[in-house]
Amino acid sequence: MTKMEVPHFVIKNRFQKRSETYQDILTSDILSEVCEKITGQTEYTAEFTDEVST
């Protein structure tokens, strides 16, 4: 069995109409659970970006 690379999530940090950010809301427990549901593993890396799509 080959070991899967550690998933890396890039998350846009800003809501369109709220002052909170996703980084304020998405705890490591939540991200770990999401990762496990998607990939079957709980180890991941995450990056929050403030880039805006044009």
Foldseek 3Di string as FASTA:
>chain_A
DDDDDAAEEEAAFDDPPDPHTVVVPCDLVNQQVVCCVVPVGRGHHYHYDPDDDD
